[in-house]
N, C-alpha and C. Protein backbone atom coordinates (compact mmCIF):
# COMPACT_ATOMS: atom_id res chain seq x y z
N UNK A 1 -3.39 -13.93 21.27
CA UNK A 1 -2.45 -13.45 20.28
C UNK A 1 -1.06 -13.81 20.75
N UNK A 2 -0.19 -14.15 19.80
CA UNK A 2 1.19 -14.54 20.11
C UNK A 2 2.17 -13.55 19.50
N UNK A 3 3.39 -13.47 20.05
CA UNK A 3 4.41 -12.64 19.43
C UNK A 3 4.70 -13.15 18.01
N UNK A 4 5.10 -12.25 17.14
CA UNK A 4 5.38 -12.60 15.75
C UNK A 4 6.77 -12.10 15.39
N UNK A 5 7.54 -12.96 14.75
CA UNK A 5 8.83 -12.57 14.21
C UNK A 5 8.87 -13.02 12.76
N UNK A 6 9.15 -12.09 11.86
CA UNK A 6 9.25 -12.41 10.44
C UNK A 6 10.67 -12.06 10.00
N UNK A 7 11.38 -13.05 9.51
CA UNK A 7 12.76 -12.82 9.07
C UNK A 7 12.77 -12.00 7.77
N UNK A 8 13.95 -11.50 7.43
CA UNK A 8 14.11 -10.61 6.28
C UNK A 8 13.52 -11.21 5.00
N UNK A 9 13.64 -12.51 4.80
CA UNK A 9 13.12 -13.12 3.58
C UNK A 9 11.76 -13.79 3.80
N UNK A 10 11.10 -13.49 4.93
CA UNK A 10 9.82 -14.10 5.25
C UNK A 10 8.64 -13.28 4.78
N UNK A 11 7.47 -13.85 4.93
CA UNK A 11 6.23 -13.19 4.54
C UNK A 11 5.69 -13.75 3.24
N UNK A 12 4.50 -13.30 2.89
CA UNK A 12 3.84 -13.76 1.67
C UNK A 12 4.14 -12.80 0.54
N UNK A 13 4.83 -13.31 -0.50
CA UNK A 13 5.22 -12.47 -1.64
C UNK A 13 4.11 -12.42 -2.67
N UNK A 14 3.84 -11.21 -3.16
CA UNK A 14 2.79 -10.97 -4.15
C UNK A 14 3.30 -10.03 -5.22
N UNK A 15 2.64 -10.04 -6.37
CA UNK A 15 2.85 -9.01 -7.38
C UNK A 15 1.52 -8.31 -7.56
N UNK A 16 1.48 -7.03 -7.22
CA UNK A 16 0.24 -6.26 -7.26
C UNK A 16 0.41 -5.13 -8.26
N UNK A 17 -0.24 -5.27 -9.41
CA UNK A 17 -0.18 -4.24 -10.46
C UNK A 17 1.27 -3.96 -10.86
N UNK A 18 2.07 -5.01 -10.93
CA UNK A 18 3.47 -4.88 -11.33
C UNK A 18 4.41 -4.51 -10.21
N UNK A 19 3.91 -4.37 -8.99
CA UNK A 19 4.74 -3.98 -7.85
C UNK A 19 4.95 -5.19 -6.95
N UNK A 20 6.21 -5.62 -6.76
CA UNK A 20 6.45 -6.70 -5.80
C UNK A 20 6.13 -6.23 -4.39
N UNK A 21 5.34 -7.03 -3.69
CA UNK A 21 4.95 -6.70 -2.32
C UNK A 21 5.12 -7.94 -1.45
N UNK A 22 5.30 -7.70 -0.15
CA UNK A 22 5.42 -8.79 0.80
C UNK A 22 4.52 -8.47 2.00
N UNK A 23 3.58 -9.37 2.29
CA UNK A 23 2.80 -9.22 3.52
C UNK A 23 3.67 -9.77 4.64
N UNK A 24 4.23 -8.87 5.44
CA UNK A 24 5.13 -9.27 6.52
C UNK A 24 4.35 -9.78 7.73
N UNK A 25 3.26 -9.09 8.06
CA UNK A 25 2.40 -9.51 9.17
C UNK A 25 0.96 -9.46 8.67
N UNK A 26 0.27 -10.57 8.77
CA UNK A 26 -1.12 -10.65 8.33
C UNK A 26 -2.05 -10.41 9.50
N UNK A 27 -3.15 -9.75 9.25
CA UNK A 27 -4.12 -9.45 10.29
C UNK A 27 -4.70 -10.66 10.98
N UNK A 28 -4.77 -11.78 10.28
CA UNK A 28 -5.31 -12.99 10.92
C UNK A 28 -4.40 -13.46 12.06
N UNK A 29 -3.13 -13.02 12.05
CA UNK A 29 -2.18 -13.40 13.09
C UNK A 29 -2.16 -12.41 14.25
N UNK A 30 -2.91 -11.30 14.11
CA UNK A 30 -2.95 -10.27 15.16
C UNK A 30 -4.38 -10.02 15.64
N UNK A 31 -5.25 -10.96 15.38
CA UNK A 31 -6.67 -10.81 15.74
C UNK A 31 -7.28 -9.55 15.13
N UNK A 32 -6.78 -9.16 13.95
CA UNK A 32 -7.34 -8.02 13.24
C UNK A 32 -6.82 -6.67 13.69
N UNK A 33 -5.85 -6.66 14.61
CA UNK A 33 -5.36 -5.39 15.16
C UNK A 33 -4.52 -4.62 14.15
N UNK A 34 -3.59 -5.31 13.47
CA UNK A 34 -2.62 -4.63 12.62
C UNK A 34 -2.10 -5.59 11.56
N UNK A 35 -1.67 -5.04 10.43
CA UNK A 35 -0.92 -5.80 9.43
C UNK A 35 0.21 -4.92 8.93
N UNK A 36 1.21 -5.55 8.32
CA UNK A 36 2.36 -4.81 7.78
C UNK A 36 2.69 -5.36 6.41
N UNK A 37 2.81 -4.45 5.43
CA UNK A 37 3.06 -4.84 4.05
C UNK A 37 4.24 -4.01 3.53
N UNK A 38 5.20 -4.70 2.91
CA UNK A 38 6.37 -4.03 2.33
C UNK A 38 6.19 -3.95 0.82
N UNK A 39 6.49 -2.79 0.27
CA UNK A 39 6.37 -2.54 -1.16
C UNK A 39 7.76 -2.29 -1.74
N UNK A 40 8.03 -2.89 -2.91
CA UNK A 40 9.30 -2.69 -3.61
C UNK A 40 8.97 -1.92 -4.88
N UNK A 41 9.33 -0.65 -4.92
CA UNK A 41 8.84 0.25 -5.96
C UNK A 41 9.88 0.55 -7.04
N UNK A 42 9.38 0.78 -8.25
CA UNK A 42 10.22 1.16 -9.38
C UNK A 42 10.02 2.64 -9.68
N UNK A 43 10.95 3.22 -10.39
CA UNK A 43 10.90 4.64 -10.73
C UNK A 43 9.56 4.99 -11.37
N UNK A 44 8.91 6.00 -10.81
CA UNK A 44 7.62 6.46 -11.32
C UNK A 44 6.44 5.67 -10.79
N UNK A 45 6.70 4.59 -10.06
CA UNK A 45 5.62 3.74 -9.57
C UNK A 45 4.96 4.29 -8.32
N UNK A 46 3.73 3.87 -8.12
CA UNK A 46 2.97 4.25 -6.93
C UNK A 46 1.50 4.30 -7.27
N UNK A 47 0.66 4.28 -6.25
CA UNK A 47 -0.79 4.25 -6.49
C UNK A 47 -1.34 5.63 -6.84
N UNK A 48 -2.46 5.67 -7.55
CA UNK A 48 -3.13 6.95 -7.80
C UNK A 48 -3.75 7.44 -6.49
N UNK A 49 -4.21 8.69 -6.44
CA UNK A 49 -4.88 9.16 -5.23
C UNK A 49 -6.04 8.23 -4.86
N UNK A 50 -6.08 7.87 -3.59
CA UNK A 50 -7.12 6.96 -3.11
C UNK A 50 -7.42 7.25 -1.64
N UNK A 51 -8.58 6.77 -1.22
CA UNK A 51 -9.05 6.99 0.16
C UNK A 51 -9.41 5.64 0.77
N UNK A 52 -8.89 5.40 1.95
CA UNK A 52 -9.29 4.23 2.74
C UNK A 52 -10.38 4.70 3.70
N UNK A 53 -11.48 3.99 3.71
CA UNK A 53 -12.57 4.36 4.61
C UNK A 53 -12.60 3.53 5.89
N UNK A 54 -11.74 2.51 5.98
CA UNK A 54 -11.77 1.62 7.15
C UNK A 54 -10.50 1.64 7.99
N UNK A 55 -9.39 2.05 7.42
CA UNK A 55 -8.13 1.92 8.15
C UNK A 55 -7.23 3.12 7.94
N UNK A 56 -6.32 3.29 8.90
CA UNK A 56 -5.25 4.27 8.82
C UNK A 56 -4.01 3.54 8.32
N UNK A 57 -3.11 4.28 7.67
CA UNK A 57 -1.85 3.69 7.21
C UNK A 57 -0.69 4.55 7.71
N UNK A 58 0.33 3.86 8.19
CA UNK A 58 1.57 4.51 8.59
C UNK A 58 2.68 3.91 7.74
N UNK A 59 3.39 4.77 7.01
CA UNK A 59 4.44 4.33 6.09
C UNK A 59 5.81 4.69 6.65
N UNK A 60 6.77 3.80 6.45
CA UNK A 60 8.17 4.06 6.79
C UNK A 60 8.98 3.85 5.51
N UNK A 61 9.70 4.88 5.10
CA UNK A 61 10.54 4.76 3.91
C UNK A 61 11.80 3.99 4.30
N UNK A 62 12.01 2.83 3.67
CA UNK A 62 13.16 1.99 3.98
C UNK A 62 14.32 2.26 3.04
N UNK A 63 14.02 2.56 1.78
CA UNK A 63 15.04 2.86 0.76
C UNK A 63 14.45 3.82 -0.26
N UNK A 64 15.24 4.80 -0.67
CA UNK A 64 14.85 5.65 -1.78
C UNK A 64 14.16 6.95 -1.39
N UNK A 65 13.68 7.63 -2.42
CA UNK A 65 13.04 8.95 -2.28
C UNK A 65 11.69 8.92 -2.99
N UNK A 66 10.67 9.42 -2.30
CA UNK A 66 9.29 9.40 -2.79
C UNK A 66 8.69 10.79 -2.75
N UNK A 67 7.79 11.05 -3.70
CA UNK A 67 6.95 12.24 -3.62
C UNK A 67 5.58 11.78 -3.10
N UNK A 68 5.12 12.43 -2.03
CA UNK A 68 3.87 12.07 -1.37
C UNK A 68 2.87 13.19 -1.46
N UNK A 69 1.61 12.83 -1.54
CA UNK A 69 0.52 13.77 -1.34
C UNK A 69 -0.42 13.13 -0.33
N UNK A 70 -0.65 13.82 0.77
CA UNK A 70 -1.61 13.38 1.78
C UNK A 70 -2.52 14.58 2.03
N UNK A 71 -3.80 14.42 1.68
CA UNK A 71 -4.72 15.55 1.75
C UNK A 71 -4.26 16.61 0.77
N UNK A 72 -4.10 17.82 1.26
CA UNK A 72 -3.68 18.95 0.42
C UNK A 72 -2.16 19.17 0.45
N UNK A 73 -1.44 18.33 1.19
CA UNK A 73 0.00 18.54 1.39
C UNK A 73 0.82 17.60 0.50
N UNK A 74 1.74 18.16 -0.30
CA UNK A 74 2.66 17.39 -1.13
C UNK A 74 4.07 17.65 -0.64
N UNK A 75 4.86 16.58 -0.54
CA UNK A 75 6.22 16.70 0.00
C UNK A 75 7.09 15.55 -0.50
N UNK A 76 8.40 15.74 -0.37
CA UNK A 76 9.39 14.70 -0.70
C UNK A 76 9.76 13.99 0.60
N UNK A 77 9.80 12.66 0.54
CA UNK A 77 10.14 11.86 1.71
C UNK A 77 11.29 10.92 1.35
N UNK A 78 12.31 10.91 2.19
CA UNK A 78 13.48 10.07 1.95
C UNK A 78 13.59 8.99 3.01
N UNK A 79 14.57 8.11 2.82
CA UNK A 79 14.83 7.00 3.74
C UNK A 79 14.77 7.48 5.18
N UNK A 80 14.01 6.76 6.00
CA UNK A 80 13.88 7.08 7.41
C UNK A 80 12.64 7.91 7.73
N UNK A 81 11.99 8.47 6.73
CA UNK A 81 10.80 9.30 6.96
C UNK A 81 9.60 8.41 7.27
N UNK A 82 8.76 8.88 8.19
CA UNK A 82 7.51 8.20 8.54
C UNK A 82 6.35 9.11 8.15
N UNK A 83 5.35 8.52 7.49
CA UNK A 83 4.18 9.27 7.03
C UNK A 83 2.93 8.60 7.57
N UNK A 84 2.03 9.39 8.13
CA UNK A 84 0.74 8.88 8.60
C UNK A 84 -0.34 9.37 7.65
N UNK A 85 -1.11 8.43 7.09
CA UNK A 85 -2.21 8.75 6.19
C UNK A 85 -3.50 8.25 6.85
N UNK A 86 -4.25 9.17 7.50
CA UNK A 86 -5.46 8.74 8.20
C UNK A 86 -6.58 8.34 7.24
N UNK A 87 -7.44 7.47 7.73
CA UNK A 87 -8.60 7.05 6.94
C UNK A 87 -9.43 8.29 6.58
N UNK A 88 -10.07 8.21 5.42
CA UNK A 88 -10.93 9.29 4.99
C UNK A 88 -10.22 10.43 4.28
N UNK A 89 -8.89 10.37 4.18
CA UNK A 89 -8.11 11.44 3.53
C UNK A 89 -7.39 10.84 2.32
N UNK A 90 -7.55 11.48 1.16
CA UNK A 90 -6.88 11.00 -0.06
C UNK A 90 -5.37 11.09 0.09
N UNK A 91 -4.69 10.07 -0.41
CA UNK A 91 -3.23 10.08 -0.43
C UNK A 91 -2.72 9.29 -1.62
N UNK A 92 -1.50 9.58 -1.99
CA UNK A 92 -0.82 8.86 -3.07
C UNK A 92 0.68 9.10 -2.92
N UNK A 93 1.45 8.29 -3.62
CA UNK A 93 2.89 8.52 -3.66
C UNK A 93 3.44 8.07 -4.99
N UNK A 94 4.62 8.58 -5.31
CA UNK A 94 5.31 8.22 -6.54
C UNK A 94 6.78 8.07 -6.20
N UNK A 95 7.38 6.95 -6.62
CA UNK A 95 8.79 6.70 -6.33
C UNK A 95 9.66 7.49 -7.31
N UNK A 96 10.63 8.23 -6.78
CA UNK A 96 11.48 9.11 -7.59
C UNK A 96 12.85 8.54 -7.89
N UNK A 97 13.31 7.56 -7.12
CA UNK A 97 14.68 7.06 -7.23
C UNK A 97 14.94 6.28 -8.51
N UNK A 98 16.22 6.04 -8.76
CA UNK A 98 16.65 5.27 -9.95
C UNK A 98 16.81 3.79 -9.63
N UNK A 99 17.18 3.46 -8.40
CA UNK A 99 17.26 2.07 -7.97
C UNK A 99 15.98 1.75 -7.22
N UNK A 100 15.62 0.47 -7.10
CA UNK A 100 14.34 0.15 -6.44
C UNK A 100 14.20 0.77 -5.05
N UNK A 101 13.01 1.25 -4.79
CA UNK A 101 12.70 1.81 -3.47
C UNK A 101 11.92 0.79 -2.65
N UNK A 102 11.91 1.00 -1.35
CA UNK A 102 11.15 0.11 -0.47
C UNK A 102 10.49 0.94 0.61
N UNK A 103 9.27 0.55 0.91
CA UNK A 103 8.60 1.17 2.05
C UNK A 103 7.78 0.13 2.77
N UNK A 104 7.59 0.36 4.06
CA UNK A 104 6.77 -0.51 4.89
C UNK A 104 5.49 0.25 5.21
N UNK A 105 4.36 -0.43 5.07
CA UNK A 105 3.07 0.15 5.40
C UNK A 105 2.46 -0.65 6.54
N UNK A 106 2.18 0.02 7.64
CA UNK A 106 1.50 -0.59 8.78
C UNK A 106 0.04 -0.16 8.71
N UNK A 107 -0.85 -1.14 8.66
CA UNK A 107 -2.28 -0.90 8.43
C UNK A 107 -3.05 -1.20 9.72
N UNK A 108 -3.80 -0.19 10.20
CA UNK A 108 -4.58 -0.39 11.42
C UNK A 108 -6.02 0.10 11.23
N UNK A 109 -7.02 -0.69 11.53
CA UNK A 109 -6.89 -2.12 11.83
C UNK A 109 -6.53 -2.87 10.56
N UNK A 110 -6.23 -4.13 10.70
CA UNK A 110 -5.86 -4.93 9.53
C UNK A 110 -7.08 -5.20 8.66
N UNK A 111 -6.85 -5.86 7.56
CA UNK A 111 -7.92 -6.26 6.65
C UNK A 111 -7.62 -5.88 5.22
N UNK A 112 -6.96 -4.72 5.03
CA UNK A 112 -6.72 -4.27 3.67
C UNK A 112 -5.70 -5.15 2.95
N UNK A 113 -4.91 -5.90 3.69
CA UNK A 113 -3.97 -6.81 3.03
C UNK A 113 -4.72 -7.82 2.16
N UNK A 114 -6.01 -8.05 2.45
CA UNK A 114 -6.84 -8.92 1.61
C UNK A 114 -6.98 -8.38 0.19
N UNK A 115 -7.02 -7.06 0.05
CA UNK A 115 -7.06 -6.44 -1.28
C UNK A 115 -5.81 -6.83 -2.06
N UNK A 116 -4.65 -6.71 -1.43
CA UNK A 116 -3.40 -7.07 -2.10
C UNK A 116 -3.40 -8.55 -2.49
N UNK A 117 -3.93 -9.40 -1.62
CA UNK A 117 -3.97 -10.83 -1.92
C UNK A 117 -4.90 -11.10 -3.11
N UNK A 118 -6.06 -10.46 -3.13
CA UNK A 118 -7.00 -10.68 -4.24
C UNK A 118 -6.41 -10.20 -5.56
N UNK A 119 -5.81 -9.03 -5.57
CA UNK A 119 -5.21 -8.53 -6.81
C UNK A 119 -4.02 -9.39 -7.20
N UNK A 120 -3.20 -9.77 -6.23
CA UNK A 120 -2.03 -10.60 -6.50
C UNK A 120 -2.39 -11.97 -7.05
N UNK A 121 -3.60 -12.46 -6.77
CA UNK A 121 -4.03 -13.77 -7.29
C UNK A 121 -4.46 -13.70 -8.75
N UNK A 122 -4.67 -12.49 -9.26
CA UNK A 122 -5.03 -12.32 -10.68
C UNK A 122 -3.79 -12.43 -11.54
N UNK A 123 -3.96 -12.88 -12.78
CA UNK A 123 -2.82 -12.89 -13.69
C UNK A 123 -2.56 -11.45 -14.18
N UNK A 124 -1.37 -11.19 -14.76
CA UNK A 124 -1.04 -9.82 -15.16
C UNK A 124 -2.08 -9.18 -16.09
N UNK A 125 -2.66 -9.95 -17.00
CA UNK A 125 -3.68 -9.39 -17.90
C UNK A 125 -4.93 -8.99 -17.11
N UNK A 126 -5.37 -9.82 -16.17
CA UNK A 126 -6.54 -9.51 -15.35
C UNK A 126 -6.28 -8.28 -14.48
N UNK A 127 -5.03 -8.11 -14.04
CA UNK A 127 -4.69 -6.95 -13.21
C UNK A 127 -4.79 -5.65 -14.00
N UNK A 128 -4.77 -5.72 -15.32
CA UNK A 128 -4.89 -4.52 -16.14
C UNK A 128 -6.35 -4.12 -16.37
N UNK A 129 -7.28 -4.92 -15.89
CA UNK A 129 -8.71 -4.61 -15.98
C UNK A 129 -9.04 -3.67 -14.82
N UNK A 130 -8.79 -2.38 -15.03
CA UNK A 130 -8.90 -1.40 -13.95
C UNK A 130 -10.30 -1.33 -13.35
N UNK A 131 -11.39 -1.40 -14.13
CA UNK A 131 -12.71 -1.41 -13.50
C UNK A 131 -12.87 -2.59 -12.51
N UNK A 132 -12.30 -3.74 -12.84
CA UNK A 132 -12.37 -4.89 -11.94
C UNK A 132 -11.54 -4.64 -10.68
N UNK A 133 -10.36 -4.05 -10.83
CA UNK A 133 -9.51 -3.72 -9.69
C UNK A 133 -10.25 -2.74 -8.77
N UNK A 134 -10.90 -1.75 -9.35
CA UNK A 134 -11.67 -0.77 -8.56
C UNK A 134 -12.82 -1.46 -7.84
N UNK A 135 -13.47 -2.41 -8.53
CA UNK A 135 -14.58 -3.17 -7.92
C UNK A 135 -14.08 -3.97 -6.70
N UNK A 136 -12.92 -4.60 -6.84
CA UNK A 136 -12.34 -5.34 -5.71
C UNK A 136 -12.02 -4.36 -4.58
N UNK A 137 -11.47 -3.21 -4.92
CA UNK A 137 -11.14 -2.21 -3.91
C UNK A 137 -12.36 -1.76 -3.12
N UNK A 138 -13.50 -1.65 -3.79
CA UNK A 138 -14.73 -1.23 -3.13
C UNK A 138 -15.09 -2.19 -1.99
N UNK A 139 -14.83 -3.48 -2.18
CA UNK A 139 -15.10 -4.47 -1.13
C UNK A 139 -14.28 -4.20 0.13
N UNK A 140 -13.16 -3.51 -0.04
CA UNK A 140 -12.25 -3.22 1.08
C UNK A 140 -12.33 -1.76 1.54
N UNK A 141 -13.40 -1.07 1.15
CA UNK A 141 -13.58 0.31 1.59
C UNK A 141 -12.63 1.29 0.92
N UNK A 142 -12.16 0.95 -0.28
CA UNK A 142 -11.21 1.79 -1.02
C UNK A 142 -11.95 2.59 -2.08
N UNK A 143 -11.63 3.86 -2.15
CA UNK A 143 -12.24 4.77 -3.13
C UNK A 143 -11.15 5.46 -3.92
N UNK A 144 -11.36 5.60 -5.23
CA UNK A 144 -10.46 6.34 -6.10
C UNK A 144 -11.21 7.60 -6.54
N UNK A 145 -10.98 8.74 -5.87
CA UNK A 145 -11.74 9.95 -6.23
C UNK A 145 -11.36 10.45 -7.62
N UNK A 146 -12.34 11.04 -8.29
CA UNK A 146 -12.06 11.64 -9.59
C UNK A 146 -11.21 12.89 -9.42
N UNK A 147 -10.32 13.15 -10.38
CA UNK A 147 -9.52 14.38 -10.29
C UNK A 147 -10.43 15.61 -10.37
N UNK A 148 -10.02 16.75 -9.79
CA UNK A 148 -10.82 17.96 -9.88
C UNK A 148 -11.12 18.31 -11.33
N UNK A 149 -12.35 18.64 -11.61
CA UNK A 149 -12.76 19.04 -12.96
C UNK A 149 -13.12 17.87 -13.86
N UNK A 150 -13.02 16.64 -13.34
CA UNK A 150 -13.33 15.47 -14.21
C UNK A 150 -14.81 15.18 -14.22
């Protein structure tokens, strides 16, 4: 494994479900140890509650204010906050700010960045086929639990 430096405008740019994302560090460059993905979020944007069964995620808020739910805990997180979402625990977030927000997600071990690449390779209409998106997620150990009472 070699040291990695990614400049501010570096990385692989993707559009995932309308969210601009950048894979800053790919797992293939770290022998599968870690990957890092930056998300550029719009007001109200963010993923629904989901569970990773293979990896832990550590988020760093770079810009803006987010509402987070990790397990049973819901809280507001602002620039500079770090959040750890362990595998096997449902989590979600929603961007609250008026100007674009940014967060960095460090994924350990790597591999889930492949989900972003697969979704990003679909055209916008294909990305709206939610059953297909869920099917792709299943390949990466991703689960979208049903809301209580559903």
